[in-house]
């Protein structure tokens, strides 16, 4: 049995594309897959700030199930489809992480899986005590 823990949220995309929402390594590093603002098929269109907040909300929910929170986040990646959205996405990131200050990257990409999306985020977190683990579902 692998010491790597995998978390599934039951999203149809996880099964269709063969991935886990989050993976925790034995050293305490937790990697959260790309998260978007698609919630129950709906997207807040034309609002990069709200899309960013919602996408990080999906990531936070995965971290919470593993017994972690935003204060455990050490790195974020934000993939955006338009340079015009840098300020709004950055403002949302600051609102969520100003007290945490993870390493962060913002990358402009040509597009995302759903044309209504303007941002997708990835999160890396670190558990300082790997013996304290939350839920696991694979």
N, C-alpha and C. Protein backbone atom coordinates (compact mmCIF):
# COMPACT_ATOMS: atom_id res chain seq x y z
N UNK A 1 0.84 -1.19 0.00
CA UNK A 1 0.00 0.00 0.00
C UNK A 1 0.88 1.25 0.00
N UNK A 2 0.53 2.19 -0.81
CA UNK A 2 1.30 3.42 -0.95
C UNK A 2 1.09 4.33 0.25
N UNK A 3 2.14 5.04 0.63
CA UNK A 3 2.03 6.01 1.71
C UNK A 3 1.45 7.33 1.21
N UNK A 4 1.26 7.44 -0.09
CA UNK A 4 0.65 8.63 -0.67
C UNK A 4 -0.85 8.56 -0.46
N UNK A 5 -1.43 9.64 0.05
CA UNK A 5 -2.89 9.70 0.28
C UNK A 5 -3.52 10.50 -0.85
N UNK A 6 -4.64 9.99 -1.35
CA UNK A 6 -5.35 10.66 -2.43
C UNK A 6 -6.77 10.99 -2.00
N UNK A 7 -7.20 12.20 -2.29
CA UNK A 7 -8.53 12.65 -1.93
C UNK A 7 -9.36 12.84 -3.19
N UNK A 8 -10.53 12.22 -3.22
CA UNK A 8 -11.48 12.42 -4.30
C UNK A 8 -12.67 13.18 -3.75
N UNK A 9 -13.22 14.07 -4.58
CA UNK A 9 -14.42 14.79 -4.16
C UNK A 9 -15.66 14.22 -4.83
N UNK A 10 -15.46 13.23 -5.69
CA UNK A 10 -16.59 12.66 -6.40
C UNK A 10 -16.95 13.42 -7.66
N UNK A 11 -16.15 14.39 -8.03
CA UNK A 11 -16.40 15.14 -9.26
C UNK A 11 -16.33 14.19 -10.45
N UNK A 12 -17.27 14.29 -11.39
CA UNK A 12 -17.22 13.42 -12.57
C UNK A 12 -15.91 13.56 -13.35
N UNK A 13 -15.33 14.74 -13.35
CA UNK A 13 -14.08 14.95 -14.09
C UNK A 13 -12.94 14.12 -13.50
N UNK A 14 -12.95 13.92 -12.18
CA UNK A 14 -11.89 13.13 -11.56
C UNK A 14 -11.86 11.72 -12.13
N UNK A 15 -13.03 11.09 -12.24
CA UNK A 15 -13.10 9.75 -12.82
C UNK A 15 -12.84 9.78 -14.32
N UNK A 16 -13.41 10.74 -15.00
CA UNK A 16 -13.27 10.80 -16.46
C UNK A 16 -11.82 11.01 -16.90
N UNK A 17 -11.08 11.80 -16.13
CA UNK A 17 -9.71 12.14 -16.52
C UNK A 17 -8.65 11.46 -15.66
N UNK A 18 -9.06 10.68 -14.64
CA UNK A 18 -8.12 9.90 -13.84
C UNK A 18 -7.22 10.73 -12.94
N UNK A 19 -7.80 11.61 -12.15
CA UNK A 19 -6.98 12.39 -11.22
C UNK A 19 -7.67 12.49 -9.87
N UNK A 20 -6.92 12.93 -8.88
CA UNK A 20 -7.43 13.18 -7.53
C UNK A 20 -7.51 14.67 -7.31
N UNK A 21 -8.46 15.12 -6.50
CA UNK A 21 -8.55 16.55 -6.17
C UNK A 21 -7.30 16.98 -5.40
N UNK A 22 -6.82 16.11 -4.50
CA UNK A 22 -5.62 16.44 -3.73
C UNK A 22 -4.83 15.16 -3.48
N UNK A 23 -3.52 15.34 -3.35
CA UNK A 23 -2.61 14.24 -3.05
C UNK A 23 -1.69 14.71 -1.93
N UNK A 24 -1.57 13.87 -0.89
CA UNK A 24 -0.67 14.20 0.21
C UNK A 24 0.49 13.21 0.23
N UNK A 25 1.70 13.75 0.23
CA UNK A 25 2.91 12.93 0.27
C UNK A 25 3.29 12.65 1.72
N UNK A 26 4.05 11.59 1.97
CA UNK A 26 4.41 11.23 3.34
C UNK A 26 5.16 12.33 4.11
N UNK A 27 5.81 13.24 3.39
CA UNK A 27 6.55 14.32 4.05
C UNK A 27 5.65 15.48 4.49
N UNK A 28 4.34 15.38 4.21
CA UNK A 28 3.40 16.43 4.62
C UNK A 28 3.04 17.41 3.53
N UNK A 29 3.65 17.31 2.34
CA UNK A 29 3.30 18.19 1.23
C UNK A 29 1.97 17.75 0.63
N UNK A 30 1.06 18.71 0.45
CA UNK A 30 -0.26 18.44 -0.13
C UNK A 30 -0.39 19.25 -1.41
N UNK A 31 -0.72 18.56 -2.49
CA UNK A 31 -0.89 19.19 -3.79
C UNK A 31 -2.37 19.14 -4.16
N UNK A 32 -2.95 20.30 -4.43
CA UNK A 32 -4.37 20.37 -4.81
C UNK A 32 -4.43 20.65 -6.31
N UNK A 33 -5.16 19.81 -7.02
CA UNK A 33 -5.31 19.95 -8.47
C UNK A 33 -5.94 21.28 -8.83
N UNK A 34 -5.88 21.59 -10.12
CA UNK A 34 -6.48 22.82 -10.60
C UNK A 34 -7.95 22.92 -10.20
N UNK A 35 -8.31 24.06 -9.64
CA UNK A 35 -9.68 24.31 -9.17
C UNK A 35 -10.24 25.52 -9.92
N UNK A 36 -11.49 25.40 -10.30
CA UNK A 36 -12.12 26.50 -11.01
C UNK A 36 -13.39 26.93 -10.27
N UNK A 37 -14.07 27.85 -10.91
CA UNK A 37 -15.29 28.41 -10.33
C UNK A 37 -16.53 27.71 -10.85
N UNK A 38 -16.39 26.51 -11.43
CA UNK A 38 -17.56 25.76 -11.86
C UNK A 38 -18.11 25.04 -10.63
N UNK A 39 -19.30 25.46 -10.20
CA UNK A 39 -19.94 24.87 -9.03
C UNK A 39 -21.34 24.44 -9.45
N UNK A 40 -21.55 23.13 -9.41
CA UNK A 40 -22.82 22.55 -9.87
C UNK A 40 -23.17 22.99 -11.29
N UNK A 41 -22.16 23.09 -12.14
CA UNK A 41 -22.36 23.45 -13.54
C UNK A 41 -22.47 24.94 -13.80
N UNK A 42 -22.52 25.75 -12.75
CA UNK A 42 -22.66 27.19 -12.91
C UNK A 42 -21.32 27.89 -12.75
N UNK A 43 -21.18 29.02 -13.43
CA UNK A 43 -19.98 29.85 -13.35
C UNK A 43 -20.42 31.29 -13.20
N UNK A 44 -19.77 32.02 -12.30
CA UNK A 44 -19.99 33.46 -12.22
C UNK A 44 -19.19 34.06 -13.37
N UNK A 45 -19.89 34.41 -14.44
CA UNK A 45 -19.20 34.89 -15.64
C UNK A 45 -18.80 36.35 -15.51
N UNK A 46 -17.74 36.70 -16.21
CA UNK A 46 -17.29 38.09 -16.33
C UNK A 46 -16.94 38.73 -14.99
N UNK A 47 -16.53 37.94 -14.01
CA UNK A 47 -16.13 38.49 -12.72
C UNK A 47 -14.89 37.75 -12.22
N UNK A 48 -13.71 38.20 -12.64
CA UNK A 48 -12.49 37.49 -12.26
C UNK A 48 -12.25 37.43 -10.75
N UNK A 49 -12.66 38.47 -10.03
CA UNK A 49 -12.49 38.46 -8.57
C UNK A 49 -13.30 37.31 -7.96
N UNK A 50 -14.59 37.24 -8.29
CA UNK A 50 -15.45 36.19 -7.72
C UNK A 50 -15.04 34.80 -8.20
N UNK A 51 -14.62 34.68 -9.45
CA UNK A 51 -14.14 33.38 -9.93
C UNK A 51 -12.92 32.93 -9.13
N UNK A 52 -12.04 33.85 -8.81
CA UNK A 52 -10.85 33.52 -8.04
C UNK A 52 -11.22 33.09 -6.63
N UNK A 53 -12.09 33.84 -5.99
CA UNK A 53 -12.54 33.48 -4.64
C UNK A 53 -13.21 32.11 -4.64
N UNK A 54 -14.08 31.86 -5.62
CA UNK A 54 -14.76 30.56 -5.70
C UNK A 54 -13.78 29.42 -5.96
N UNK A 55 -12.83 29.64 -6.85
CA UNK A 55 -11.86 28.59 -7.17
C UNK A 55 -11.02 28.25 -5.94
N UNK A 56 -10.56 29.26 -5.23
CA UNK A 56 -9.80 28.98 -4.00
C UNK A 56 -10.70 28.31 -2.96
N UNK A 57 -11.99 28.64 -2.97
CA UNK A 57 -12.94 27.98 -2.06
C UNK A 57 -12.98 26.48 -2.30
N UNK A 58 -12.93 26.06 -3.55
CA UNK A 58 -12.89 24.63 -3.88
C UNK A 58 -11.62 24.01 -3.31
N UNK A 59 -10.50 24.70 -3.47
CA UNK A 59 -9.23 24.20 -2.94
C UNK A 59 -9.27 24.14 -1.41
N UNK A 60 -9.82 25.17 -0.78
CA UNK A 60 -9.90 25.18 0.69
C UNK A 60 -10.75 24.03 1.21
N UNK A 61 -11.83 23.71 0.48
CA UNK A 61 -12.69 22.60 0.90
C UNK A 61 -11.91 21.28 0.87
N UNK A 62 -11.08 21.09 -0.14
CA UNK A 62 -10.25 19.87 -0.20
C UNK A 62 -9.25 19.85 0.94
N UNK A 63 -8.61 20.99 1.19
CA UNK A 63 -7.64 21.06 2.30
C UNK A 63 -8.33 20.77 3.63
N UNK A 64 -9.52 21.32 3.82
CA UNK A 64 -10.25 21.12 5.07
C UNK A 64 -10.53 19.64 5.32
N UNK A 65 -10.89 18.92 4.27
CA UNK A 65 -11.15 17.48 4.41
C UNK A 65 -9.89 16.73 4.80
N UNK A 66 -8.73 17.32 4.53
CA UNK A 66 -7.47 16.70 4.92
C UNK A 66 -6.96 17.25 6.26
N UNK A 67 -7.76 18.09 6.89
CA UNK A 67 -7.39 18.63 8.19
C UNK A 67 -6.45 19.83 8.11
N UNK A 68 -6.46 20.52 6.97
CA UNK A 68 -5.60 21.69 6.78
C UNK A 68 -6.44 22.92 6.46
N UNK A 69 -5.81 24.08 6.51
CA UNK A 69 -6.51 25.33 6.21
C UNK A 69 -5.64 26.25 5.37
N UNK A 70 -6.17 27.42 5.09
CA UNK A 70 -5.42 28.36 4.25
C UNK A 70 -4.09 28.76 4.87
N UNK A 71 -4.00 28.72 6.19
CA UNK A 71 -2.73 29.07 6.85
C UNK A 71 -1.63 28.05 6.56
N UNK A 72 -2.00 26.88 6.05
CA UNK A 72 -1.02 25.84 5.70
C UNK A 72 -0.56 25.93 4.24
N UNK A 73 -1.15 26.85 3.48
CA UNK A 73 -0.80 27.01 2.07
C UNK A 73 0.57 27.67 1.96
N UNK A 74 1.44 27.04 1.15
CA UNK A 74 2.80 27.57 0.96
C UNK A 74 3.06 28.06 -0.46
N UNK A 75 2.17 27.68 -1.39
CA UNK A 75 2.36 28.11 -2.78
C UNK A 75 1.02 28.10 -3.51
N UNK A 76 0.83 29.10 -4.36
CA UNK A 76 -0.36 29.14 -5.21
C UNK A 76 0.06 29.40 -6.65
N UNK A 77 -0.74 28.85 -7.56
CA UNK A 77 -0.58 29.12 -9.00
C UNK A 77 -1.94 29.61 -9.49
N UNK A 78 -1.94 30.71 -10.19
CA UNK A 78 -3.16 31.24 -10.77
C UNK A 78 -2.97 31.31 -12.28
N UNK A 79 -3.80 30.59 -13.00
CA UNK A 79 -3.76 30.60 -14.47
C UNK A 79 -4.93 31.47 -14.92
N UNK A 80 -4.62 32.54 -15.64
CA UNK A 80 -5.66 33.47 -16.08
C UNK A 80 -5.64 33.57 -17.60
N UNK A 81 -6.80 33.86 -18.18
CA UNK A 81 -6.90 33.90 -19.64
C UNK A 81 -6.70 35.28 -20.24
N UNK A 82 -6.69 36.33 -19.40
CA UNK A 82 -6.54 37.69 -19.93
C UNK A 82 -5.66 38.53 -19.00
N UNK A 83 -4.72 39.25 -19.57
CA UNK A 83 -3.88 40.15 -18.79
C UNK A 83 -4.72 41.22 -18.09
N UNK A 84 -5.86 41.57 -18.67
CA UNK A 84 -6.71 42.61 -18.07
C UNK A 84 -7.22 42.21 -16.68
N UNK A 85 -7.17 40.90 -16.36
CA UNK A 85 -7.70 40.42 -15.09
C UNK A 85 -6.66 40.32 -13.98
N UNK A 86 -5.43 40.69 -14.26
CA UNK A 86 -4.35 40.56 -13.27
C UNK A 86 -4.70 41.26 -11.96
N UNK A 87 -5.18 42.48 -12.04
CA UNK A 87 -5.46 43.26 -10.82
C UNK A 87 -6.57 42.63 -9.99
N UNK A 88 -7.65 42.20 -10.63
CA UNK A 88 -8.78 41.62 -9.88
C UNK A 88 -8.42 40.27 -9.28
N UNK A 89 -7.70 39.44 -10.03
CA UNK A 89 -7.27 38.15 -9.50
C UNK A 89 -6.28 38.37 -8.36
N UNK A 90 -5.37 39.30 -8.54
CA UNK A 90 -4.41 39.63 -7.48
C UNK A 90 -5.09 40.18 -6.23
N UNK A 91 -6.11 40.99 -6.44
CA UNK A 91 -6.86 41.55 -5.30
C UNK A 91 -7.56 40.45 -4.52
N UNK A 92 -8.13 39.48 -5.23
CA UNK A 92 -8.78 38.34 -4.56
C UNK A 92 -7.75 37.51 -3.80
N UNK A 93 -6.60 37.29 -4.42
CA UNK A 93 -5.54 36.52 -3.75
C UNK A 93 -5.12 37.22 -2.47
N UNK A 94 -4.94 38.53 -2.53
CA UNK A 94 -4.55 39.29 -1.34
C UNK A 94 -5.61 39.19 -0.25
N UNK A 95 -6.88 39.28 -0.64
CA UNK A 95 -7.96 39.18 0.35
C UNK A 95 -7.95 37.83 1.06
N UNK A 96 -7.59 36.79 0.34
CA UNK A 96 -7.60 35.44 0.92
C UNK A 96 -6.31 35.08 1.65
N UNK A 97 -5.18 35.62 1.20
CA UNK A 97 -3.88 35.15 1.68
C UNK A 97 -2.97 36.23 2.27
N UNK A 98 -3.46 37.43 2.46
CA UNK A 98 -2.58 38.51 2.92
C UNK A 98 -1.85 38.15 4.21
N UNK A 99 -2.52 37.48 5.13
CA UNK A 99 -1.87 37.11 6.38
C UNK A 99 -1.00 35.87 6.28
N UNK A 100 -1.12 35.13 5.18
CA UNK A 100 -0.38 33.87 5.00
C UNK A 100 0.86 34.10 4.15
N UNK A 101 0.71 34.83 3.08
CA UNK A 101 1.77 35.18 2.15
C UNK A 101 2.50 33.98 1.54
N UNK A 102 1.76 33.08 0.84
CA UNK A 102 2.43 31.96 0.18
C UNK A 102 3.24 32.45 -1.02
N UNK A 103 4.17 31.63 -1.48
CA UNK A 103 4.80 31.89 -2.77
C UNK A 103 3.69 31.81 -3.81
N UNK A 104 3.73 32.66 -4.83
CA UNK A 104 2.61 32.70 -5.78
C UNK A 104 3.11 32.96 -7.19
N UNK A 105 2.40 32.38 -8.14
CA UNK A 105 2.65 32.63 -9.56
C UNK A 105 1.32 32.93 -10.23
N UNK A 106 1.35 33.87 -11.16
CA UNK A 106 0.18 34.15 -11.99
C UNK A 106 0.64 34.03 -13.44
N UNK A 107 -0.01 33.15 -14.17
CA UNK A 107 0.41 32.82 -15.53
C UNK A 107 -0.75 33.09 -16.47
N UNK A 108 -0.48 33.74 -17.58
CA UNK A 108 -1.51 33.97 -18.59
C UNK A 108 -1.48 32.79 -19.57
N UNK A 109 -2.65 32.18 -19.74
CA UNK A 109 -2.78 31.02 -20.62
C UNK A 109 -3.74 31.36 -21.76
N UNK A 110 -3.71 30.56 -22.80
CA UNK A 110 -4.57 30.82 -23.95
C UNK A 110 -6.04 30.56 -23.65
N UNK A 111 -6.31 29.58 -22.83
CA UNK A 111 -7.70 29.27 -22.51
C UNK A 111 -7.79 28.19 -21.46
N UNK A 112 -9.00 27.97 -20.95
CA UNK A 112 -9.26 26.95 -19.96
C UNK A 112 -10.32 26.00 -20.51
N UNK A 113 -10.65 24.94 -19.78
CA UNK A 113 -11.54 23.90 -20.30
C UNK A 113 -12.96 24.38 -20.58
N UNK A 114 -13.37 25.43 -19.95
CA UNK A 114 -14.70 26.00 -20.17
C UNK A 114 -14.49 27.47 -20.55
N UNK A 115 -14.99 27.91 -21.69
CA UNK A 115 -14.73 29.29 -22.14
C UNK A 115 -15.28 30.37 -21.21
N UNK A 116 -16.17 30.01 -20.28
CA UNK A 116 -16.69 30.99 -19.32
C UNK A 116 -15.68 31.29 -18.23
N UNK A 117 -14.69 30.41 -18.07
CA UNK A 117 -13.70 30.57 -17.01
C UNK A 117 -12.61 31.55 -17.41
N UNK A 118 -12.21 32.38 -16.47
CA UNK A 118 -11.09 33.28 -16.70
C UNK A 118 -9.93 32.98 -15.75
N UNK A 119 -10.15 32.09 -14.78
CA UNK A 119 -9.08 31.76 -13.83
C UNK A 119 -9.24 30.31 -13.34
N UNK A 120 -8.10 29.66 -13.15
CA UNK A 120 -8.04 28.36 -12.50
C UNK A 120 -6.85 28.43 -11.54
N UNK A 121 -7.00 27.83 -10.37
CA UNK A 121 -5.94 27.93 -9.36
C UNK A 121 -5.47 26.55 -8.92
N UNK A 122 -4.23 26.48 -8.49
CA UNK A 122 -3.66 25.30 -7.87
C UNK A 122 -3.06 25.73 -6.54
N UNK A 123 -3.06 24.82 -5.58
CA UNK A 123 -2.58 25.14 -4.24
C UNK A 123 -1.64 24.04 -3.77
N UNK A 124 -0.58 24.44 -3.10
CA UNK A 124 0.29 23.50 -2.40
C UNK A 124 0.28 23.90 -0.94
N UNK A 125 0.11 22.92 -0.08
CA UNK A 125 0.09 23.17 1.36
C UNK A 125 1.08 22.21 2.03
N UNK A 126 1.39 22.52 3.27
CA UNK A 126 2.34 21.69 4.00
C UNK A 126 1.81 21.41 5.40
N UNK A 127 1.78 20.13 5.73
CA UNK A 127 1.39 19.70 7.07
C UNK A 127 2.67 19.58 7.89
N UNK A 128 2.79 20.38 8.94
CA UNK A 128 4.02 20.36 9.73
C UNK A 128 4.16 19.09 10.55
N UNK A 129 3.04 18.45 10.90
CA UNK A 129 3.09 17.17 11.60
C UNK A 129 2.34 16.13 10.78
N UNK A 130 3.06 15.36 9.93
CA UNK A 130 2.40 14.40 9.05
C UNK A 130 1.63 13.29 9.78
N UNK A 131 1.79 13.16 11.09
CA UNK A 131 1.03 12.14 11.82
C UNK A 131 -0.40 12.59 12.08
N UNK A 132 -0.69 13.89 11.94
CA UNK A 132 -2.04 14.43 12.12
C UNK A 132 -2.70 14.54 10.76
N UNK A 133 -3.48 13.55 10.38
CA UNK A 133 -4.09 13.53 9.06
C UNK A 133 -5.60 13.57 9.17
N UNK A 134 -6.20 14.19 8.19
CA UNK A 134 -7.67 14.23 8.10
C UNK A 134 -8.18 13.07 7.28
N UNK A 135 -9.31 13.28 6.68
CA UNK A 135 -10.02 12.26 5.89
C UNK A 135 -9.22 11.84 4.66
N UNK A 136 -9.32 10.59 4.27
CA UNK A 136 -8.78 10.11 3.01
C UNK A 136 -9.86 9.37 2.27
N UNK A 137 -10.03 9.69 1.01
CA UNK A 137 -10.97 8.97 0.17
C UNK A 137 -10.35 8.86 -1.21
N UNK A 138 -10.20 7.66 -1.71
CA UNK A 138 -9.63 7.53 -3.04
C UNK A 138 -10.61 6.98 -4.03
